[in-house]
Amino acid sequence: MIELNRAVAIAMAESPQAGLDAMDRIDALDEYVHMHAARADLLRRLERREEARAAYRRALELTPSPVEQSFLERRLAEIDGGSGEE
């Protein structure tokens, strides 16, 4: 989880691509919902919509939280609607 936090910090300080590059080097968090949600957000910001959709869907598979599901579904709908807004 420390490496994920580091990758998010890199994305904020440098660029979404730099954060994504750092995130892609993390091996152990495939079952962690927030890894996929954060990755999806960076991909969305980079307008890599297909990859963002897949990451949002993976995050949806992993979360039991209705609140998180609702948030992730809204983000996915934004992509499906073609919106790149934050």
PDB file of N, CA and C in Angstrom:
ATOM      1  N   MET A   1       0.814  -1.186   0.000  1.00  0.00           N
ATOM      2  CA  MET A   1       0.000   0.000   0.000  1.00  0.00           C
ATOM      3  C   MET A   1       0.865   1.260   0.000  1.00  0.00           C
ATOM      4  N   ILE A   2       2.000   1.201   0.619  1.00  0.00           N
ATOM      5  CA  ILE A   2       2.895   2.353   0.633  1.00  0.00           C
ATOM      6  C   ILE A   2       3.289   2.729  -0.790  1.00  0.00           C
ATOM      7  N   GLU A   3       3.553   1.736  -1.611  1.00  0.00           N
ATOM      8  CA  GLU A   3       3.941   2.009  -3.001  1.00  0.00           C
ATOM      9  C   GLU A   3       2.785   2.622  -3.787  1.00  0.00           C
ATOM     10  N   LEU A   4       1.566   2.220  -3.490  1.00  0.00           N
ATOM     11  CA  LEU A   4       0.411   2.828  -4.158  1.00  0.00           C
ATOM     12  C   LEU A   4       0.298   4.296  -3.768  1.00  0.00           C
ATOM     13  N   ASN A   5       0.444   4.591  -2.488  1.00  0.00           N
ATOM     14  CA  ASN A   5       0.404   5.984  -2.034  1.00  0.00           C
ATOM     15  C   ASN A   5       1.511   6.797  -2.703  1.00  0.00           C
ATOM     16  N   ARG A   6       2.669   6.199  -2.833  1.00  0.00           N
ATOM     17  CA  ARG A   6       3.792   6.863  -3.499  1.00  0.00           C
ATOM     18  C   ARG A   6       3.445   7.159  -4.960  1.00  0.00           C
ATOM     19  N   ALA A   7       2.841   6.202  -5.641  1.00  0.00           N
ATOM     20  CA  ALA A   7       2.471   6.379  -7.046  1.00  0.00           C
ATOM     21  C   ALA A   7       1.441   7.491  -7.207  1.00  0.00           C
ATOM     22  N   VAL A   8       0.487   7.560  -6.298  1.00  0.00           N
ATOM     23  CA  VAL A   8      -0.521   8.629  -6.344  1.00  0.00           C
ATOM     24  C   VAL A   8       0.148   9.985  -6.118  1.00  0.00           C
ATOM     25  N   ALA A   9       1.081  10.030  -5.190  1.00  0.00           N
ATOM     26  CA  ALA A   9       1.807  11.278  -4.936  1.00  0.00           C
ATOM     27  C   ALA A   9       2.605  11.701  -6.170  1.00  0.00           C
ATOM     28  N   ILE A  10       3.213  10.750  -6.827  1.00  0.00           N
ATOM     29  CA  ILE A  10       3.954  11.050  -8.060  1.00  0.00           C
ATOM     30  C   ILE A  10       3.007  11.607  -9.120  1.00  0.00           C
ATOM     31  N   ALA A  11       1.839  11.014  -9.239  1.00  0.00           N
ATOM     32  CA  ALA A  11       0.854  11.500 -10.220  1.00  0.00           C
ATOM     33  C   ALA A  11       0.453  12.935  -9.926  1.00  0.00           C
ATOM     34  N   MET A  12       0.303  13.257  -8.658  1.00  0.00           N
ATOM     35  CA  MET A  12      -0.102  14.608  -8.278  1.00  0.00           C
ATOM     36  C   MET A  12       1.042  15.608  -8.468  1.00  0.00           C
ATOM     37  N   ALA A  13       2.265  15.187  -8.156  1.00  0.00           N
ATOM     38  CA  ALA A  13       3.406  16.101  -8.212  1.00  0.00           C
ATOM     39  C   ALA A  13       3.981  16.254  -9.617  1.00  0.00           C
ATOM     40  N   GLU A  14       3.937  15.158 -10.380  1.00  0.00           N
ATOM     41  CA  GLU A  14       4.579  15.174 -11.696  1.00  0.00           C
ATOM     42  C   GLU A  14       3.563  15.149 -12.821  1.00  0.00           C
ATOM     43  N   SER A  15       2.929  14.004 -13.005  1.00  0.00           N
ATOM     44  CA  SER A  15       1.946  13.862 -14.073  1.00  0.00           C
ATOM     45  C   SER A  15       1.196  12.545 -13.893  1.00  0.00           C
ATOM     46  N   PRO A  16      -0.004  12.452 -14.480  1.00  0.00           N
ATOM     47  CA  PRO A  16      -0.719  11.181 -14.423  1.00  0.00           C
ATOM     48  C   PRO A  16       0.099  10.029 -15.015  1.00  0.00           C
ATOM     49  N   GLN A  17       0.828  10.287 -16.090  1.00  0.00           N
ATOM     50  CA  GLN A  17       1.623   9.226 -16.708  1.00  0.00           C
ATOM     51  C   GLN A  17       2.743   8.750 -15.780  1.00  0.00           C
ATOM     52  N   ALA A  18       3.401   9.676 -15.100  1.00  0.00           N
ATOM     53  CA  ALA A  18       4.463   9.291 -14.174  1.00  0.00           C
ATOM     54  C   ALA A  18       3.893   8.455 -13.030  1.00  0.00           C
ATOM     55  N   GLY A  19       2.724   8.835 -12.541  1.00  0.00           N
ATOM     56  CA  GLY A  19       2.069   8.060 -11.486  1.00  0.00           C
ATOM     57  C   GLY A  19       1.661   6.685 -11.976  1.00  0.00           C
ATOM     58  N   LEU A  20       1.135   6.627 -13.196  1.00  0.00           N
ATOM     59  CA  LEU A  20       0.737   5.344 -13.778  1.00  0.00           C
ATOM     60  C   LEU A  20       1.952   4.437 -13.964  1.00  0.00           C
ATOM     61  N   ASP A  21       3.050   5.008 -14.413  1.00  0.00           N
ATOM     62  CA  ASP A  21       4.277   4.223 -14.576  1.00  0.00           C
ATOM     63  C   ASP A  21       4.709   3.618 -13.240  1.00  0.00           C
ATOM     64  N   ALA A  22       4.640   4.412 -12.177  1.00  0.00           N
ATOM     65  CA  ALA A  22       5.000   3.916 -10.846  1.00  0.00           C
ATOM     66  C   ALA A  22       4.014   2.840 -10.391  1.00  0.00           C
ATOM     67  N   MET A  23       2.748   3.055 -10.678  1.00  0.00           N
ATOM     68  CA  MET A  23       1.713   2.105 -10.287  1.00  0.00           C
ATOM     69  C   MET A  23       1.865   0.771 -11.025  1.00  0.00           C
ATOM     70  N   ASP A  24       2.254   0.843 -12.275  1.00  0.00           N
ATOM     71  CA  ASP A  24       2.399  -0.373 -13.072  1.00  0.00           C
ATOM     72  C   ASP A  24       3.545  -1.260 -12.596  1.00  0.00           C
ATOM     73  N   ARG A  25       4.430  -0.718 -11.774  1.00  0.00           N
ATOM     74  CA  ARG A  25       5.526  -1.518 -11.226  1.00  0.00           C
ATOM     75  C   ARG A  25       5.136  -2.225  -9.926  1.00  0.00           C
ATOM     76  N   ILE A  26       3.917  -2.003  -9.451  1.00  0.00           N
ATOM     77  CA  ILE A  26       3.449  -2.625  -8.211  1.00  0.00           C
ATOM     78  C   ILE A  26       2.829  -3.977  -8.550  1.00  0.00           C
ATOM     79  N   ASP A  27       3.319  -5.033  -7.913  1.00  0.00           N
ATOM     80  CA  ASP A  27       2.856  -6.381  -8.223  1.00  0.00           C
ATOM     81  C   ASP A  27       1.801  -6.923  -7.267  1.00  0.00           C
ATOM     82  N   ALA A  28       1.859  -6.577  -6.024  1.00  0.00           N
ATOM     83  CA  ALA A  28       1.133  -7.312  -4.993  1.00  0.00           C
ATOM     84  C   ALA A  28      -0.286  -6.838  -4.706  1.00  0.00           C
ATOM     85  N   LEU A  29      -0.822  -5.883  -5.429  1.00  0.00           N
ATOM     86  CA  LEU A  29      -2.117  -5.324  -5.049  1.00  0.00           C
ATOM     87  C   LEU A  29      -3.242  -5.605  -6.047  1.00  0.00           C
ATOM     88  N   ASP A  30      -3.160  -6.713  -6.761  1.00  0.00           N
ATOM     89  CA  ASP A  30      -4.177  -7.000  -7.768  1.00  0.00           C
ATOM     90  C   ASP A  30      -5.577  -7.191  -7.175  1.00  0.00           C
ATOM     91  N   GLU A  31      -5.659  -7.576  -5.931  1.00  0.00           N
ATOM     92  CA  GLU A  31      -6.968  -7.793  -5.302  1.00  0.00           C
ATOM     93  C   GLU A  31      -7.410  -6.596  -4.455  1.00  0.00           C
ATOM     94  N   TYR A  32      -6.724  -5.484  -4.591  1.00  0.00           N
ATOM     95  CA  TYR A  32      -7.009  -4.289  -3.794  1.00  0.00           C
ATOM     96  C   TYR A  32      -7.806  -3.291  -4.639  1.00  0.00           C
ATOM     97  N   VAL A  33      -9.033  -3.046  -4.240  1.00  0.00           N
ATOM     98  CA  VAL A  33      -9.944  -2.209  -5.019  1.00  0.00           C
ATOM     99  C   VAL A  33      -9.365  -0.834  -5.309  1.00  0.00           C
ATOM    100  N   HIS A  34      -8.696  -0.249  -4.329  1.00  0.00           N
ATOM    101  CA  HIS A  34      -8.203   1.113  -4.501  1.00  0.00           C
ATOM    102  C   HIS A  34      -7.054   1.201  -5.504  1.00  0.00           C
ATOM    103  N   MET A  35      -6.352   0.118  -5.698  1.00  0.00           N
ATOM    104  CA  MET A  35      -5.315   0.082  -6.735  1.00  0.00           C
ATOM    105  C   MET A  35      -5.967   0.267  -8.103  1.00  0.00           C
ATOM    106  N   HIS A  36      -7.020  -0.476  -8.351  1.00  0.00           N
ATOM    107  CA  HIS A  36      -7.699  -0.414  -9.649  1.00  0.00           C
ATOM    108  C   HIS A  36      -8.453   0.903  -9.828  1.00  0.00           C
ATOM    109  N   ALA A  37      -9.034   1.414  -8.750  1.00  0.00           N
ATOM    110  CA  ALA A  37      -9.742   2.687  -8.842  1.00  0.00           C
ATOM    111  C   ALA A  37      -8.765   3.830  -9.135  1.00  0.00           C
ATOM    112  N   ALA A  38      -7.633   3.829  -8.464  1.00  0.00           N
ATOM    113  CA  ALA A  38      -6.631   4.874  -8.701  1.00  0.00           C
ATOM    114  C   ALA A  38      -6.060   4.766 -10.111  1.00  0.00           C
ATOM    115  N   ARG A  39      -5.793   3.538 -10.530  1.00  0.00           N
ATOM    116  CA  ARG A  39      -5.274   3.317 -11.882  1.00  0.00           C
ATOM    117  C   ARG A  39      -6.290   3.781 -12.925  1.00  0.00           C
ATOM    118  N   ALA A  40      -7.560   3.466 -12.687  1.00  0.00           N
ATOM    119  CA  ALA A  40      -8.619   3.893 -13.608  1.00  0.00           C
ATOM    120  C   ALA A  40      -8.676   5.411 -13.710  1.00  0.00           C
ATOM    121  N   ASP A  41      -8.542   6.086 -12.582  1.00  0.00           N
ATOM    122  CA  ASP A  41      -8.586   7.540 -12.598  1.00  0.00           C
ATOM    123  C   ASP A  41      -7.436   8.115 -13.422  1.00  0.00           C
ATOM    124  N   LEU A  42      -6.245   7.578 -13.256  1.00  0.00           N
ATOM    125  CA  LEU A  42      -5.110   8.071 -14.032  1.00  0.00           C
ATOM    126  C   LEU A  42      -5.302   7.797 -15.524  1.00  0.00           C
ATOM    127  N   LEU A  43      -5.799   6.621 -15.839  1.00  0.00           N
ATOM    128  CA  LEU A  43      -6.057   6.287 -17.243  1.00  0.00           C
ATOM    129  C   LEU A  43      -7.129   7.194 -17.834  1.00  0.00           C
ATOM    130  N   ARG A  44      -8.143   7.495 -17.057  1.00  0.00           N
ATOM    131  CA  ARG A  44      -9.205   8.414 -17.499  1.00  0.00           C
ATOM    132  C   ARG A  44      -8.612   9.790 -17.785  1.00  0.00           C
ATOM    133  N   ARG A  45      -7.758  10.257 -16.898  1.00  0.00           N
ATOM    134  CA  ARG A  45      -7.129  11.572 -17.086  1.00  0.00           C
ATOM    135  C   ARG A  45      -6.251  11.597 -18.334  1.00  0.00           C
ATOM    136  N   LEU A  46      -5.690  10.457 -18.666  1.00  0.00           N
ATOM    137  CA  LEU A  46      -4.862  10.345 -19.864  1.00  0.00           C
ATOM    138  C   LEU A  46      -5.689  10.068 -21.120  1.00  0.00           C
ATOM    139  N   GLU A  47      -7.014  10.006 -20.949  1.00  0.00           N
ATOM    140  CA  GLU A  47      -7.962   9.732 -22.036  1.00  0.00           C
ATOM    141  C   GLU A  47      -7.743   8.371 -22.679  1.00  0.00           C
ATOM    142  N   ARG A  48      -7.284   7.428 -21.877  1.00  0.00           N
ATOM    143  CA  ARG A  48      -7.137   6.037 -22.327  1.00  0.00           C
ATOM    144  C   ARG A  48      -8.391   5.294 -21.848  1.00  0.00           C
ATOM    145  N   ARG A  49      -9.487   5.582 -22.516  1.00  0.00           N
ATOM    146  CA  ARG A  49     -10.818   5.188 -22.058  1.00  0.00           C
ATOM    147  C   ARG A  49     -11.026   3.687 -21.933  1.00  0.00           C
ATOM    148  N   GLU A  50     -10.575   2.916 -22.900  1.00  0.00           N
ATOM    149  CA  GLU A  50     -10.793   1.459 -22.828  1.00  0.00           C
ATOM    150  C   GLU A  50     -10.092   0.860 -21.611  1.00  0.00           C
ATOM    151  N   GLU A  51      -8.867   1.284 -21.389  1.00  0.00           N
ATOM    152  CA  GLU A  51      -8.125   0.777 -20.236  1.00  0.00           C
ATOM    153  C   GLU A  51      -8.751   1.263 -18.932  1.00  0.00           C
ATOM    154  N   ALA A  52      -9.232   2.507 -18.931  1.00  0.00           N
ATOM    155  CA  ALA A  52      -9.899   3.041 -17.743  1.00  0.00           C
ATOM    156  C   ALA A  52     -11.171   2.262 -17.448  1.00  0.00           C
ATOM    157  N   ARG A  53     -11.947   1.952 -18.497  1.00  0.00           N
ATOM    158  CA  ARG A  53     -13.162   1.140 -18.305  1.00  0.00           C
ATOM    159  C   ARG A  53     -12.832  -0.186 -17.641  1.00  0.00           C
ATOM    160  N   ALA A  54     -11.812  -0.854 -18.148  1.00  0.00           N
ATOM    161  CA  ALA A  54     -11.436  -2.162 -17.597  1.00  0.00           C
ATOM    162  C   ALA A  54     -11.012  -2.034 -16.136  1.00  0.00           C
ATOM    163  N   ALA A  55     -10.269  -0.993 -15.815  1.00  0.00           N
ATOM    164  CA  ALA A  55      -9.822  -0.808 -14.432  1.00  0.00           C
ATOM    165  C   ALA A  55     -11.000  -0.477 -13.514  1.00  0.00           C
ATOM    166  N   TYR A  56     -11.928   0.370 -13.981  1.00  0.00           N
ATOM    167  CA  TYR A  56     -13.119   0.652 -13.174  1.00  0.00           C
ATOM    168  C   TYR A  56     -13.944  -0.614 -12.962  1.00  0.00           C
ATOM    169  N   ARG A  57     -14.076  -1.413 -13.994  1.00  0.00           N
ATOM    170  CA  ARG A  57     -14.851  -2.663 -13.860  1.00  0.00           C
ATOM    171  C   ARG A  57     -14.190  -3.614 -12.869  1.00  0.00           C
ATOM    172  N   ARG A  58     -12.871  -3.688 -12.899  1.00  0.00           N
ATOM    173  CA  ARG A  58     -12.157  -4.543 -11.941  1.00  0.00           C
ATOM    174  C   ARG A  58     -12.367  -4.028 -10.517  1.00  0.00           C
ATOM    175  N   ALA A  59     -12.304  -2.725 -10.339  1.00  0.00           N
ATOM    176  CA  ALA A  59     -12.552  -2.150  -9.015  1.00  0.00           C
ATOM    177  C   ALA A  59     -13.969  -2.470  -8.556  1.00  0.00           C
ATOM    178  N   LEU A  60     -14.930  -2.376  -9.468  1.00  0.00           N
ATOM    179  CA  LEU A  60     -16.319  -2.720  -9.127  1.00  0.00           C
ATOM    180  C   LEU A  60     -16.451  -4.177  -8.687  1.00  0.00           C
ATOM    181  N   GLU A  61     -15.729  -5.058  -9.347  1.00  0.00           N
ATOM    182  CA  GLU A  61     -15.768  -6.474  -8.963  1.00  0.00           C
ATOM    183  C   GLU A  61     -15.265  -6.691  -7.545  1.00  0.00           C
ATOM    184  N   LEU A  62     -14.334  -5.865  -7.122  1.00  0.00           N
ATOM    185  CA  LEU A  62     -13.656  -6.082  -5.848  1.00  0.00           C
ATOM    186  C   LEU A  62     -14.310  -5.405  -4.653  1.00  0.00           C
ATOM    187  N   THR A  63     -15.137  -4.401  -4.871  1.00  0.00           N
ATOM    188  CA  THR A  63     -15.669  -3.673  -3.715  1.00  0.00           C
ATOM    189  C   THR A  63     -17.045  -4.173  -3.296  1.00  0.00           C
ATOM    190  N   PRO A  64     -17.210  -4.441  -2.000  1.00  0.00           N
ATOM    191  CA  PRO A  64     -18.533  -4.796  -1.495  1.00  0.00           C
ATOM    192  C   PRO A  64     -19.323  -3.558  -1.051  1.00  0.00           C
ATOM    193  N   SER A  65     -18.678  -2.405  -1.035  1.00  0.00           N
ATOM    194  CA  SER A  65     -19.289  -1.181  -0.516  1.00  0.00           C
ATOM    195  C   SER A  65     -20.250  -0.561  -1.530  1.00  0.00           C
ATOM    196  N   PRO A  66     -21.509  -0.403  -1.163  1.00  0.00           N
ATOM    197  CA  PRO A  66     -22.468   0.244  -2.067  1.00  0.00           C
ATOM    198  C   PRO A  66     -22.069   1.685  -2.411  1.00  0.00           C
ATOM    199  N   VAL A  67     -21.476   2.395  -1.471  1.00  0.00           N
ATOM    200  CA  VAL A  67     -21.060   3.770  -1.717  1.00  0.00           C
ATOM    201  C   VAL A  67     -19.939   3.793  -2.757  1.00  0.00           C
ATOM    202  N   GLU A  68     -18.953   2.930  -2.593  1.00  0.00           N
ATOM    203  CA  GLU A  68     -17.865   2.860  -3.569  1.00  0.00           C
ATOM    204  C   GLU A  68     -18.377   2.380  -4.920  1.00  0.00           C
ATOM    205  N   GLN A  69     -19.290   1.413  -4.910  1.00  0.00           N
ATOM    206  CA  GLN A  69     -19.860   0.936  -6.163  1.00  0.00           C
ATOM    207  C   GLN A  69     -20.549   2.075  -6.908  1.00  0.00           C
ATOM    208  N   SER A  70     -21.299   2.874  -6.186  1.00  0.00           N
ATOM    209  CA  SER A  70     -22.011   3.990  -6.805  1.00  0.00           C
ATOM    210  C   SER A  70     -21.028   4.987  -7.419  1.00  0.00           C
ATOM    211  N   PHE A  71     -19.973   5.316  -6.689  1.00  0.00           N
ATOM    212  CA  PHE A  71     -18.957   6.234  -7.204  1.00  0.00           C
ATOM    213  C   PHE A  71     -18.308   5.671  -8.465  1.00  0.00           C
ATOM    214  N   LEU A  72     -17.897   4.412  -8.405  1.00  0.00           N
ATOM    215  CA  LEU A  72     -17.224   3.792  -9.551  1.00  0.00           C
ATOM    216  C   LEU A  72     -18.157   3.684 -10.752  1.00  0.00           C
ATOM    217  N   GLU A  73     -19.416   3.389 -10.508  1.00  0.00           N
ATOM    218  CA  GLU A  73     -20.389   3.317 -11.606  1.00  0.00           C
ATOM    219  C   GLU A  73     -20.587   4.683 -12.254  1.00  0.00           C
ATOM    220  N   ARG A  74     -20.572   5.757 -11.453  1.00  0.00           N
ATOM    221  CA  ARG A  74     -20.689   7.109 -12.017  1.00  0.00           C
ATOM    222  C   ARG A  74     -19.482   7.429 -12.884  1.00  0.00           C
ATOM    223  N   ARG A  75     -18.301   7.087 -12.407  1.00  0.00           N
ATOM    224  CA  ARG A  75     -17.092   7.330 -13.191  1.00  0.00           C
ATOM    225  C   ARG A  75     -17.132   6.542 -14.498  1.00  0.00           C
ATOM    226  N   LEU A  76     -17.561   5.302 -14.414  1.00  0.00           N
ATOM    227  CA  LEU A  76     -17.662   4.468 -15.610  1.00  0.00           C
ATOM    228  C   LEU A  76     -18.674   5.058 -16.587  1.00  0.00           C
ATOM    229  N   ALA A  77     -19.790   5.550 -16.073  1.00  0.00           N
ATOM    230  CA  ALA A  77     -20.802   6.182 -16.934  1.00  0.00           C
ATOM    231  C   ALA A  77     -20.254   7.434 -17.615  1.00  0.00           C
ATOM    232  N   GLU A  78     -19.423   8.189 -16.910  1.00  0.00           N
ATOM    233  CA  GLU A  78     -18.805   9.370 -17.511  1.00  0.00           C
ATOM    234  C   GLU A  78     -17.964   8.982 -18.723  1.00  0.00           C
ATOM    235  N   ILE A  79     -17.213   7.905 -18.576  1.00  0.00           N
ATOM    236  CA  ILE A  79     -16.392   7.441 -19.688  1.00  0.00           C
ATOM    237  C   ILE A  79     -17.279   6.943 -20.827  1.00  0.00           C
ATOM    238  N   ASP A  80     -18.300   6.160 -20.475  1.00  0.00           N
ATOM    239  CA  ASP A  80     -19.190   5.629 -21.496  1.00  0.00           C
ATOM    240  C   ASP A  80     -19.956   6.745 -22.213  1.00  0.00           C
ATOM    241  N   GLY A  81     -20.181   7.845 -21.509  1.00  0.00           N
ATOM    242  CA  GLY A  81     -20.843   8.990 -22.115  1.00  0.00           C
ATOM    243  C   GLY A  81     -19.889   9.887 -22.873  1.00  0.00           C
ATOM    244  N   GLY A  82     -18.599   9.538 -22.789  1.00  0.00           N
ATOM    245  CA  GLY A  82     -17.587  10.299 -23.508  1.00  0.00           C
ATOM    246  C   GLY A  82     -17.091  11.516 -22.757  1.00  0.00           C
ATOM    247  N   SER A  83     -17.505  11.685 -21.493  1.00  0.00           N
ATOM    248  CA  SER A  83     -17.077  12.850 -20.726  1.00  0.00           C
ATOM    249  C   SER A  83     -15.685  12.629 -20.166  1.00  0.00           C
ATOM    250  N   GLY A  84     -14.818  13.589 -20.331  1.00  0.00           N
ATOM    251  CA  GLY A  84     -13.500  13.546 -19.739  1.00  0.00           C
ATOM    252  C   GLY A  84     -13.398  14.491 -18.557  1.00  0.00           C
ATOM    253  N   GLU A  85     -14.542  15.008 -18.112  1.00  0.00           N
ATOM    254  CA  GLU A  85     -14.559  15.967 -17.005  1.00  0.00           C
ATOM    255  C   GLU A  85     -14.248  15.293 -15.703  1.00  0.00           C
ATOM    256  N   GLU A  86     -13.734  16.088 -14.774  1.00  0.00           N
ATOM    257  CA  GLU A  86     -13.429  15.575 -13.435  1.00  0.00           C
ATOM    258  C   GLU A  86     -14.568  15.856 -12.493  1.00  0.00           C
TER     259      GLU A  86
END
